[in-house]
Amino acid sequence: MRNKLPLLAACVLTSMLLTTGCKKAEYKFSRGMANTLEIVRLGEMRRSIEQTALFGSAPMAYHTGTIGGLNRSLARTGIGVYEIITAPFPSYDPIFTDYLSPQPAFPDNYKPNLLEDSLFATDTNLGFSGGDTQPLIPGSRFHIFDTH
């Protein structure tokens, strides 16, 4: 006679995962993806350099800001990996919010808008739309038809 306990445990676990609802797990997973890609985006790095130059020592902004920004970028990436792995399981609230904000960080001199493409823009009858030309390169904040 076979032991039915492992099959019963697998069925109970599957039913718990499928009946808990996906809304909060979806937000946790997307927040984890955004945080994991911080190491590529380097928003914390740019913000840290900017804040160090404004409120700290301007000659040391690139050195001190880079080290602080790298620290925050690595912390945000680690939190993102943790949130991706634990997305199906409660608790769905953001963690370490006393050190990092739940939303991705941007320098104060740049606030992202919606992309100016045919999905969001209403000027498609002109045959072209605008948008950030190179949003990851500092100083390239050029918008065509910035209407938002």
N, C-alpha and C. Protein backbone atom coordinates (compact mmCIF):
# COMPACT_ATOMS: atom_id res chain seq x y z
N MET A 1 0.84 -1.18 0.00
CA MET A 1 0.00 0.00 0.00
C MET A 1 0.89 1.24 0.00
N ARG A 2 0.60 2.12 -0.93
CA ARG A 2 1.43 3.32 -1.06
C ARG A 2 1.09 4.35 0.01
N ASN A 3 2.08 5.16 0.32
CA ASN A 3 1.87 6.24 1.28
C ASN A 3 1.28 7.42 0.53
N LYS A 4 0.11 7.86 0.91
CA LYS A 4 -0.60 8.94 0.21
C LYS A 4 -0.33 10.31 0.83
N LEU A 5 0.45 10.36 1.89
CA LEU A 5 0.72 11.62 2.56
C LEU A 5 1.48 12.62 1.68
N PRO A 6 2.54 12.24 0.95
CA PRO A 6 3.21 13.21 0.08
C PRO A 6 2.30 13.76 -1.02
N LEU A 7 1.43 12.91 -1.58
CA LEU A 7 0.50 13.38 -2.60
C LEU A 7 -0.51 14.35 -2.00
N LEU A 8 -1.01 14.06 -0.80
CA LEU A 8 -1.95 14.95 -0.14
C LEU A 8 -1.28 16.28 0.20
N ALA A 9 -0.05 16.24 0.68
CA ALA A 9 0.68 17.48 1.00
C ALA A 9 0.90 18.32 -0.26
N ALA A 10 1.25 17.68 -1.37
CA ALA A 10 1.44 18.42 -2.63
C ALA A 10 0.14 19.04 -3.10
N CYS A 11 -0.97 18.34 -2.97
CA CYS A 11 -2.28 18.88 -3.37
C CYS A 11 -2.68 20.07 -2.50
N VAL A 12 -2.46 19.95 -1.20
CA VAL A 12 -2.80 21.06 -0.30
C VAL A 12 -1.94 22.28 -0.58
N LEU A 13 -0.66 22.08 -0.80
CA LEU A 13 0.24 23.20 -1.11
C LEU A 13 -0.15 23.87 -2.43
N THR A 14 -0.47 23.08 -3.44
CA THR A 14 -0.88 23.63 -4.73
C THR A 14 -2.18 24.40 -4.60
N SER A 15 -3.14 23.87 -3.86
CA SER A 15 -4.41 24.58 -3.71
C SER A 15 -4.24 25.87 -2.91
N MET A 16 -3.33 25.87 -1.93
CA MET A 16 -3.07 27.11 -1.18
C MET A 16 -2.46 28.17 -2.08
N LEU A 17 -1.52 27.77 -2.93
CA LEU A 17 -0.87 28.73 -3.81
C LEU A 17 -1.82 29.27 -4.87
N LEU A 18 -2.73 28.44 -5.34
CA LEU A 18 -3.63 28.87 -6.41
C LEU A 18 -4.83 29.65 -5.90
N THR A 19 -5.17 29.54 -4.63
CA THR A 19 -6.36 30.21 -4.12
C THR A 19 -6.04 31.44 -3.28
N THR A 20 -4.79 31.83 -3.15
CA THR A 20 -4.46 32.97 -2.30
C THR A 20 -4.63 34.30 -3.00
N GLY A 21 -4.80 34.33 -4.29
CA GLY A 21 -4.93 35.58 -5.01
C GLY A 21 -3.58 36.04 -5.52
N CYS A 22 -3.60 36.73 -6.63
CA CYS A 22 -2.35 37.07 -7.30
C CYS A 22 -2.01 38.55 -7.26
N LYS A 23 -2.93 39.40 -6.83
CA LYS A 23 -2.72 40.83 -6.95
C LYS A 23 -1.48 41.30 -6.17
N LYS A 24 -1.39 40.96 -4.90
CA LYS A 24 -0.26 41.42 -4.11
C LYS A 24 1.03 40.71 -4.50
N ALA A 25 0.94 39.44 -4.86
CA ALA A 25 2.13 38.72 -5.31
C ALA A 25 2.64 39.31 -6.62
N GLU A 26 1.72 39.76 -7.45
CA GLU A 26 2.10 40.40 -8.72
C GLU A 26 2.85 41.70 -8.46
N TYR A 27 2.37 42.51 -7.51
CA TYR A 27 3.07 43.76 -7.17
C TYR A 27 4.44 43.47 -6.57
N LYS A 28 4.52 42.45 -5.72
CA LYS A 28 5.79 42.12 -5.09
C LYS A 28 6.79 41.64 -6.14
N PHE A 29 6.33 40.83 -7.10
CA PHE A 29 7.22 40.35 -8.15
C PHE A 29 7.69 41.49 -9.04
N SER A 30 6.78 42.41 -9.42
CA SER A 30 7.19 43.52 -10.29
C SER A 30 8.11 44.48 -9.54
N ARG A 31 7.87 44.69 -8.25
CA ARG A 31 8.78 45.52 -7.45
C ARG A 31 10.15 44.86 -7.36
N GLY A 32 10.17 43.54 -7.23
CA GLY A 32 11.43 42.81 -7.20
C GLY A 32 12.18 42.90 -8.52
N MET A 33 11.46 42.83 -9.65
CA MET A 33 12.10 42.96 -10.96
C MET A 33 12.69 44.36 -11.12
N ALA A 34 11.94 45.39 -10.73
CA ALA A 34 12.45 46.75 -10.84
C ALA A 34 13.68 46.95 -9.96
N ASN A 35 13.66 46.39 -8.75
CA ASN A 35 14.81 46.52 -7.86
C ASN A 35 16.01 45.72 -8.35
N THR A 36 15.77 44.56 -8.94
CA THR A 36 16.87 43.75 -9.44
C THR A 36 17.58 44.44 -10.60
N LEU A 37 16.84 45.14 -11.42
CA LEU A 37 17.45 45.84 -12.56
C LEU A 37 18.09 47.17 -12.17
N GLU A 38 18.11 47.49 -10.89
CA GLU A 38 18.76 48.73 -10.43
C GLU A 38 20.24 48.72 -10.75
N ILE A 39 20.88 47.59 -10.73
CA ILE A 39 22.32 47.52 -10.98
C ILE A 39 22.64 47.92 -12.42
N VAL A 40 21.67 47.78 -13.32
CA VAL A 40 21.85 48.20 -14.71
C VAL A 40 21.45 49.66 -14.88
N ARG A 41 20.38 50.07 -14.21
CA ARG A 41 19.82 51.41 -14.36
C ARG A 41 20.65 52.48 -13.65
N LEU A 42 21.22 52.15 -12.50
CA LEU A 42 22.07 53.03 -11.69
C LEU A 42 21.39 54.33 -11.27
N GLY A 43 20.11 54.28 -10.97
CA GLY A 43 19.40 55.46 -10.47
C GLY A 43 19.87 55.86 -9.09
N GLU A 44 20.12 54.88 -8.23
CA GLU A 44 20.62 55.18 -6.88
C GLU A 44 22.01 55.81 -6.95
N MET A 45 22.82 55.38 -7.89
CA MET A 45 24.16 55.93 -8.06
C MET A 45 24.08 57.40 -8.46
N ARG A 46 23.26 57.69 -9.46
CA ARG A 46 23.13 59.08 -9.91
C ARG A 46 22.54 59.97 -8.83
N ARG A 47 21.53 59.44 -8.10
CA ARG A 47 20.92 60.22 -7.03
C ARG A 47 21.92 60.48 -5.91
N SER A 48 22.70 59.49 -5.55
CA SER A 48 23.67 59.64 -4.47
C SER A 48 24.75 60.66 -4.83
N ILE A 49 25.24 60.61 -6.06
CA ILE A 49 26.23 61.60 -6.49
C ILE A 49 25.64 63.00 -6.46
N GLU A 50 24.41 63.14 -6.95
CA GLU A 50 23.75 64.45 -6.97
C GLU A 50 23.54 64.97 -5.54
N GLN A 51 23.02 64.13 -4.64
CA GLN A 51 22.75 64.56 -3.27
C GLN A 51 24.04 64.88 -2.52
N THR A 52 25.09 64.15 -2.77
CA THR A 52 26.38 64.43 -2.13
C THR A 52 26.93 65.77 -2.62
N ALA A 53 26.78 66.07 -3.89
CA ALA A 53 27.27 67.34 -4.42
C ALA A 53 26.46 68.52 -3.87
N LEU A 54 25.16 68.32 -3.69
CA LEU A 54 24.31 69.42 -3.22
C LEU A 54 24.42 69.65 -1.72
N PHE A 55 24.42 68.59 -0.94
CA PHE A 55 24.33 68.74 0.50
C PHE A 55 25.61 68.37 1.24
N GLY A 56 26.59 67.89 0.54
CA GLY A 56 27.84 67.49 1.18
C GLY A 56 28.99 68.27 0.60
N SER A 57 30.06 67.59 0.37
CA SER A 57 31.28 68.19 -0.13
C SER A 57 31.29 68.08 -1.66
N ALA A 58 31.23 69.21 -2.34
CA ALA A 58 31.19 69.20 -3.81
C ALA A 58 32.45 68.60 -4.44
N PRO A 59 33.66 68.87 -3.94
CA PRO A 59 34.84 68.25 -4.56
C PRO A 59 34.89 66.73 -4.37
N MET A 60 34.26 66.23 -3.33
CA MET A 60 34.28 64.79 -3.06
C MET A 60 33.02 64.08 -3.55
N ALA A 61 32.16 64.78 -4.30
CA ALA A 61 30.87 64.22 -4.69
C ALA A 61 31.01 62.96 -5.52
N TYR A 62 31.95 62.95 -6.44
CA TYR A 62 32.08 61.78 -7.30
C TYR A 62 32.63 60.58 -6.54
N HIS A 63 33.50 60.81 -5.58
CA HIS A 63 34.08 59.70 -4.84
C HIS A 63 33.11 59.18 -3.78
N THR A 64 32.68 60.07 -2.89
CA THR A 64 31.78 59.67 -1.82
C THR A 64 30.43 59.25 -2.37
N GLY A 65 29.91 59.99 -3.32
CA GLY A 65 28.62 59.65 -3.92
C GLY A 65 28.65 58.33 -4.66
N THR A 66 29.76 58.03 -5.31
CA THR A 66 29.87 56.77 -6.03
C THR A 66 29.87 55.58 -5.08
N ILE A 67 30.62 55.69 -3.99
CA ILE A 67 30.66 54.60 -3.02
C ILE A 67 29.29 54.41 -2.37
N GLY A 68 28.66 55.51 -1.95
CA GLY A 68 27.33 55.41 -1.36
C GLY A 68 26.29 54.90 -2.35
N GLY A 69 26.38 55.35 -3.59
CA GLY A 69 25.44 54.90 -4.61
C GLY A 69 25.62 53.43 -4.96
N LEU A 70 26.87 52.98 -4.99
CA LEU A 70 27.13 51.57 -5.25
C LEU A 70 26.57 50.71 -4.12
N ASN A 71 26.75 51.18 -2.88
CA ASN A 71 26.22 50.47 -1.73
C ASN A 71 24.70 50.35 -1.82
N ARG A 72 24.02 51.45 -2.13
CA ARG A 72 22.57 51.44 -2.22
C ARG A 72 22.08 50.63 -3.43
N SER A 73 22.82 50.68 -4.54
CA SER A 73 22.44 49.91 -5.72
C SER A 73 22.53 48.41 -5.45
N LEU A 74 23.60 47.99 -4.78
CA LEU A 74 23.75 46.57 -4.45
C LEU A 74 22.70 46.12 -3.44
N ALA A 75 22.38 46.99 -2.48
CA ALA A 75 21.34 46.65 -1.50
C ALA A 75 19.99 46.52 -2.20
N ARG A 76 19.67 47.43 -3.10
CA ARG A 76 18.40 47.37 -3.82
C ARG A 76 18.34 46.13 -4.72
N THR A 77 19.46 45.76 -5.34
CA THR A 77 19.49 44.57 -6.18
C THR A 77 19.27 43.31 -5.34
N GLY A 78 19.90 43.24 -4.18
CA GLY A 78 19.70 42.10 -3.28
C GLY A 78 18.26 41.99 -2.80
N ILE A 79 17.65 43.12 -2.46
CA ILE A 79 16.25 43.12 -2.04
C ILE A 79 15.37 42.67 -3.19
N GLY A 80 15.70 43.07 -4.40
CA GLY A 80 14.93 42.65 -5.57
C GLY A 80 14.98 41.16 -5.80
N VAL A 81 16.16 40.57 -5.67
CA VAL A 81 16.29 39.12 -5.83
C VAL A 81 15.48 38.41 -4.74
N TYR A 82 15.54 38.90 -3.52
CA TYR A 82 14.77 38.32 -2.42
C TYR A 82 13.27 38.40 -2.71
N GLU A 83 12.79 39.55 -3.21
CA GLU A 83 11.37 39.71 -3.48
C GLU A 83 10.91 38.84 -4.65
N ILE A 84 11.77 38.61 -5.63
CA ILE A 84 11.39 37.72 -6.74
C ILE A 84 11.24 36.29 -6.23
N ILE A 85 12.18 35.85 -5.40
CA ILE A 85 12.14 34.47 -4.90
C ILE A 85 10.93 34.26 -3.98
N THR A 86 10.63 35.25 -3.15
CA THR A 86 9.54 35.10 -2.17
C THR A 86 8.23 35.70 -2.65
N ALA A 87 8.08 36.00 -3.92
CA ALA A 87 6.85 36.63 -4.42
C ALA A 87 5.59 35.80 -4.17
N PRO A 88 5.59 34.49 -4.29
CA PRO A 88 4.35 33.75 -4.06
C PRO A 88 3.94 33.64 -2.59
N PHE A 89 4.83 33.99 -1.69
CA PHE A 89 4.56 33.78 -0.27
C PHE A 89 4.32 35.10 0.44
N PRO A 90 3.39 35.12 1.43
CA PRO A 90 3.19 36.35 2.22
C PRO A 90 4.42 36.62 3.05
N SER A 91 4.69 37.72 3.50
CA SER A 91 4.07 39.02 3.47
C SER A 91 4.43 39.75 2.19
N TYR A 92 3.47 40.54 1.71
CA TYR A 92 3.64 41.20 0.43
C TYR A 92 4.08 42.65 0.57
N ASP A 93 4.29 43.11 1.77
CA ASP A 93 4.70 44.50 1.99
C ASP A 93 6.18 44.66 1.66
N PRO A 94 6.59 45.88 1.25
CA PRO A 94 8.00 46.12 0.96
C PRO A 94 8.84 45.98 2.23
N ILE A 95 10.10 45.57 2.06
CA ILE A 95 10.99 45.39 3.21
C ILE A 95 12.08 46.45 3.18
N PHE A 96 12.70 46.69 4.31
CA PHE A 96 13.78 47.67 4.49
C PHE A 96 13.41 49.06 3.99
N THR A 97 12.18 49.49 4.27
CA THR A 97 11.74 50.81 3.81
C THR A 97 12.36 51.94 4.61
N ASP A 98 13.01 51.63 5.74
CA ASP A 98 13.70 52.69 6.47
C ASP A 98 15.01 53.07 5.79
N TYR A 99 15.56 52.19 4.95
CA TYR A 99 16.82 52.45 4.25
C TYR A 99 16.58 52.80 2.78
N LEU A 100 15.69 52.11 2.12
CA LEU A 100 15.41 52.34 0.69
C LEU A 100 13.91 52.54 0.49
N SER A 101 13.55 53.41 -0.43
CA SER A 101 12.13 53.58 -0.76
C SER A 101 11.67 52.40 -1.60
N PRO A 102 10.38 52.04 -1.51
CA PRO A 102 9.90 50.92 -2.32
C PRO A 102 9.93 51.20 -3.82
N GLN A 103 9.84 52.46 -4.20
CA GLN A 103 9.86 52.83 -5.62
C GLN A 103 11.30 53.06 -6.07
N PRO A 104 11.58 52.87 -7.36
CA PRO A 104 12.93 53.14 -7.87
C PRO A 104 13.33 54.60 -7.66
N ALA A 105 14.59 54.83 -7.40
CA ALA A 105 15.09 56.18 -7.13
C ALA A 105 15.55 56.83 -8.42
N PHE A 106 15.30 58.12 -8.52
CA PHE A 106 15.78 58.94 -9.62
C PHE A 106 16.42 60.19 -9.03
N PRO A 107 17.37 60.79 -9.72
CA PRO A 107 17.89 62.07 -9.25
C PRO A 107 16.77 63.11 -9.22
N ASP A 108 16.91 64.10 -8.36
CA ASP A 108 15.87 65.12 -8.25
C ASP A 108 15.74 65.97 -9.51
N ASN A 109 16.79 66.01 -10.34
CA ASN A 109 16.72 66.83 -11.54
C ASN A 109 16.09 66.09 -12.71
N TYR A 110 15.61 64.85 -12.50
CA TYR A 110 14.99 64.09 -13.57
C TYR A 110 13.82 63.30 -13.02
N LYS A 111 12.65 63.54 -13.55
CA LYS A 111 11.47 62.75 -13.23
C LYS A 111 10.97 62.12 -14.52
N PRO A 112 10.90 60.79 -14.58
CA PRO A 112 10.50 60.14 -15.82
C PRO A 112 9.02 60.37 -16.12
N ASN A 113 8.71 60.47 -17.38
CA ASN A 113 7.34 60.58 -17.86
C ASN A 113 6.98 59.31 -18.61
N LEU A 114 5.77 59.28 -19.10
CA LEU A 114 5.39 58.20 -20.00
C LEU A 114 6.20 58.33 -21.28
N LEU A 115 6.48 57.21 -21.90
CA LEU A 115 7.18 57.25 -23.17
C LEU A 115 6.30 57.90 -24.23
N GLU A 116 6.89 58.72 -25.04
CA GLU A 116 6.16 59.36 -26.13
C GLU A 116 6.24 58.46 -27.36
N ASP A 117 5.44 57.43 -27.35
CA ASP A 117 5.40 56.56 -28.51
C ASP A 117 3.95 56.37 -28.94
N SER A 118 3.73 55.56 -29.92
CA SER A 118 2.39 55.42 -30.47
C SER A 118 1.43 54.75 -29.51
N LEU A 119 1.92 54.11 -28.44
CA LEU A 119 1.03 53.51 -27.47
C LEU A 119 0.35 54.56 -26.60
N PHE A 120 1.08 55.61 -26.19
CA PHE A 120 0.53 56.62 -25.31
C PHE A 120 0.28 57.95 -25.99
N ALA A 121 1.01 58.27 -27.04
CA ALA A 121 0.92 59.59 -27.65
C ALA A 121 -0.27 59.66 -28.60
N THR A 122 -0.83 60.84 -28.71
CA THR A 122 -1.96 61.04 -29.63
C THR A 122 -1.53 61.72 -30.91
N ASP A 123 -0.25 61.94 -31.10
CA ASP A 123 0.24 62.63 -32.29
C ASP A 123 0.72 61.66 -33.36
N THR A 124 0.16 60.47 -33.40
CA THR A 124 0.61 59.48 -34.36
C THR A 124 0.19 59.83 -35.78
N ASN A 125 -0.76 60.74 -35.93
CA ASN A 125 -1.15 61.11 -37.29
C ASN A 125 -0.08 61.96 -37.97
N LEU A 126 0.91 62.45 -37.20
CA LEU A 126 2.02 63.19 -37.79
C LEU A 126 3.05 62.26 -38.42
N GLY A 127 3.03 61.01 -38.01
CA GLY A 127 3.97 60.05 -38.55
C GLY A 127 5.17 59.78 -37.67
N PHE A 128 5.33 60.52 -36.58
CA PHE A 128 6.43 60.27 -35.65
C PHE A 128 6.02 60.76 -34.28
N SER A 129 6.72 60.29 -33.26
CA SER A 129 6.48 60.70 -31.88
C SER A 129 7.81 61.02 -31.23
N GLY A 130 7.73 61.56 -30.04
CA GLY A 130 8.94 61.93 -29.33
C GLY A 130 9.34 60.87 -28.32
N GLY A 131 10.16 61.27 -27.35
CA GLY A 131 10.62 60.38 -26.29
C GLY A 131 12.02 60.72 -25.87
N ASP A 132 12.47 60.09 -24.81
CA ASP A 132 13.85 60.28 -24.39
C ASP A 132 14.76 59.67 -25.44
N THR A 133 15.77 60.42 -25.84
CA THR A 133 16.67 59.89 -26.86
C THR A 133 17.61 58.85 -26.26
N GLN A 134 18.23 59.15 -25.16
CA GLN A 134 19.11 58.22 -24.45
C GLN A 134 18.91 58.44 -22.95
N PRO A 135 17.89 57.84 -22.33
CA PRO A 135 17.58 58.17 -20.93
C PRO A 135 18.64 57.73 -19.93
N LEU A 136 19.52 56.80 -20.28
CA LEU A 136 20.53 56.35 -19.32
C LEU A 136 21.79 57.22 -19.34
N ILE A 137 21.94 58.06 -20.38
CA ILE A 137 23.12 58.91 -20.49
C ILE A 137 22.79 60.28 -19.88
N PRO A 138 23.54 60.72 -18.87
CA PRO A 138 23.26 62.02 -18.26
C PRO A 138 23.39 63.15 -19.27
N GLY A 139 22.47 64.10 -19.20
CA GLY A 139 22.51 65.26 -20.07
C GLY A 139 21.80 65.08 -21.39
N SER A 140 21.13 63.97 -21.61
CA SER A 140 20.45 63.75 -22.89
C SER A 140 18.94 63.80 -22.73
N ARG A 141 18.45 64.66 -21.87
CA ARG A 141 17.02 64.77 -21.62
C ARG A 141 16.37 65.66 -22.68
N PHE A 142 16.15 65.10 -23.83
CA PHE A 142 15.57 65.83 -24.95
C PHE A 142 14.23 65.20 -25.29
N HIS A 143 13.18 66.01 -25.29
CA HIS A 143 11.86 65.50 -25.61
C HIS A 143 11.32 66.20 -26.85
N ILE A 144 10.71 65.43 -27.72
CA ILE A 144 9.98 65.99 -28.84
C ILE A 144 8.52 65.93 -28.47
N PHE A 145 7.82 67.02 -28.58
CA PHE A 145 6.40 67.09 -28.24
C PHE A 145 6.16 66.63 -26.80
N ASP A 146 6.80 67.25 -25.85
CA ASP A 146 6.64 66.90 -24.45
C ASP A 146 5.30 67.44 -23.98
N THR A 147 4.27 66.62 -24.03
CA THR A 147 2.92 67.08 -23.70
C THR A 147 2.40 66.54 -22.39
N HIS A 148 3.14 65.70 -21.71
CA HIS A 148 2.62 65.11 -20.48
C HIS A 148 3.08 65.90 -19.29
